[in-house]
């Protein structure tokens, strides 16, 4: 606000903040959480605004502030880093309150002078050259939104919100802790490591938690590592009804893993409700904000939090820090002013005493008065615990990053600088954006061996430790770094946390309607389809010659079906075929041995021998229908069958015609009929009739030859290996021609059936052709309705049945007379007993 003097300005209001200061040539600012809450008094209409009261002294927060003081003191003693320059500091307590933290940041940027003169040339260094802090993401966003306009460098040691990586919005913001984007990825890796695909997410109601929730949900969906059963926002302040509702959601859910991005106050309130509802068997995963929170390591909370896995920032070592902490009394001037009120409050908290002016009734109530000479080594205080320096290590690196950037800037050689006209910056003309330029390029290695640099977004190299909370039998809590996630020693195994169990091979996932992607049913693959991986989205079809196994997890070759020599049906048919061939050979031998007897010589013995040979061929051709179909067997089987049977039926037909001719010749005036049925004519007739069938077969094979075919129409899981006829017309003509000759023979035999007994072979022919025709008439419907190999079996059976019928009917009675009744094998007996007609 402008004063009465036109050339000066004064602060409209001075903020009374807990602070710790040290003068220097260059001053660095710091923002820390030394108290974890604050109380704002009710507003009044007095002239003086009411100041908030910070409550709940936080020893680790004070140690954070002192760590910055130690780092600056160490740099001032370093003769090679910033020689001839003394660093000072102004450290403020944000009291975990945005209004206080923002006020502290404005105080650092504007200075503490109540009134100062305006300079037209705007020369002079700013009150602070850079700020280390703020630890909270929300505070850092608010502060950077304003101070970023002036390019004042801010290096946070604990703000992790991924939104702060937006260089357009926060051009001068840097941080020593990795972004939540990296932390989220680390947590997803933990989930994958243990197979936890079903988890709950709890976040604080601020930028830290809400940005983490968005990042976690998007990264989890993109990684395919699982999904969230629920996502809830933890309230600020005292809201027991909302906390009760959230814990009830956790209880009802089947998710056993809970991921929490929240702060200390949230976790304490949440765990109080968890204990109240006795929610056990949960696996907690902690963000860096509470992964190392000692306030949760209590006998009340640890039965519920044991086995917790946490993401913690990098642990480091800072030699000399503990000795510096022990010298606080000698380094700082303890007084009642606000300049060093942090040290005063630490002293009163640690020794449970009060500095003057004393509160009313303090002495009367037995309270101690602080002298400032108390010995820190004689009291147990958390401040002196330097065994697990994590935020402190980030603070230490942040101070050194600013120091190295300033050192690089001061070593600039005029005429070779990076700014306009190759100029360099000086302390007297320094502008904050110039230090930002050097801070972006800073690169150094700490005494602990860690490299420090920033990427294009101002983020440090992402380094995390994975912590595991162990609840020891003696009641103590041990938080150990496991490097890679290990199972809790007290539980023995990792809990299961899935919405639906993984779908095994042989099934596919089908999402449940209205549920997250992690909730699904496992549907078995259909026949002929498989899935050979766990959690397959779809089943894949097997190749044409393959079929799914019963488990539907891999394809196996389809069963190949054909009429085999090795199966019972094939063995029976083969045996029958060979038996028929053998009987034909025996009969042929009998007839050859007795060829001079009247029984053999009657009615053209040559046709009888030819008939026996053709029957043998009929029996043998049936073997071509058994076994794995090949091209030559498919082509030969029907041709051999057709020609053999035509040869056989032709012989029978000629025999029948000879019988009729002989009977006609025995009548008066019929002598000329036999001249047309001599031996040559009989041979010629058989050859012509057989040649016609051979011509039919040749034309059929030449035009549309039968061929092997893999038929899958009968059964999907089986290949029926069969011979396709190629041309149905050709096959029908072949069978029709056989049928024509058979019917003709049958009709002629019927005409001759009542001839005198001396011509009784006509009766045998009639009976044999009756059997033949009956077999083949029954064959057609049976063949058409028989699938696969059974069609071949029907055809073989028809061949064998008709062949046996002809063999037995035609040659059975003759063999009976030749072998068992030789007295009837005479010309007199054959011509008719007691007659002289012949």
Foldseek 3Di string as FASTA:
>chain_A
DDDPDNFKDFDPDAALFQKAKDDWLAEEEEEFAQAQAWAADDADPDPDTGHIGQDHGDLVRLLLVVLLVVLLVVQQVDCVFPHPTRYMYMYTHQSNDLVSLLSSLVCQQQDRGRMDGHDPVPWAFTSHLAYEDDQAQQSCLVNQQPCVVQLRAYEYLHYAAPVLLPCVRRVRYFYAAYHLLVVLVVVLVVCQVFLFQEEAEEEEPGSQGVSNVVSNQVVCVVVVSHHYPYYYYQYPDDDVVRLLVVVVSVQPDLFQEYEYHYADVSVVSNQVNCLVVVDASHEYEYEQRCLPPPVQLALSRCRRHAFHKYKHADWFDDPPSLVSVQCPLVPDDDDDGSNNVSVQVVVCVFVVAHEPPDPPCQVVVVGHYDPSPDGPVVGDDPSSPNPTDGSSVRSSVVSVLLSQLVSVQVPQDACCDPDPNNGGDDNRHDRSNSSSVSSQVDWDADPRGDIFHADPSNYTDHDIFMWGWAQDPVRGIDIDTPRDDDGHPVPPGDDHGAQDDKAAWQWEWDADPPRDPRHTDTHGDDKQWTDQHIHHHDTHGDPQQWIADPSRNDTDGFAEDAAACPDPLNVVLLVLLVVQLVVLVVLLVLCVVVVVFQLCPPQHNVLVNQLSVLLSLLSVLLVLRYDFDAQVSQLVSLLSNLLSLQLNLLSLQLSLVQLVLVVQCLDPPSVVSCVCNDPVNSVVSSVVSSVVLNVLSVVQCVPFGWGWDFDCVVPVRHTQTDIDRRDPVSSCVSVVSSVVSLVSSLVSLVVCCPPDQLSNLSVLSNQLSVQLVVLVVVLVVQLVPDDGNVNSSSVSCSSSRSSVSNCCSNRVVSVCCVPPVVVCRHPCNSNPPPDPSD
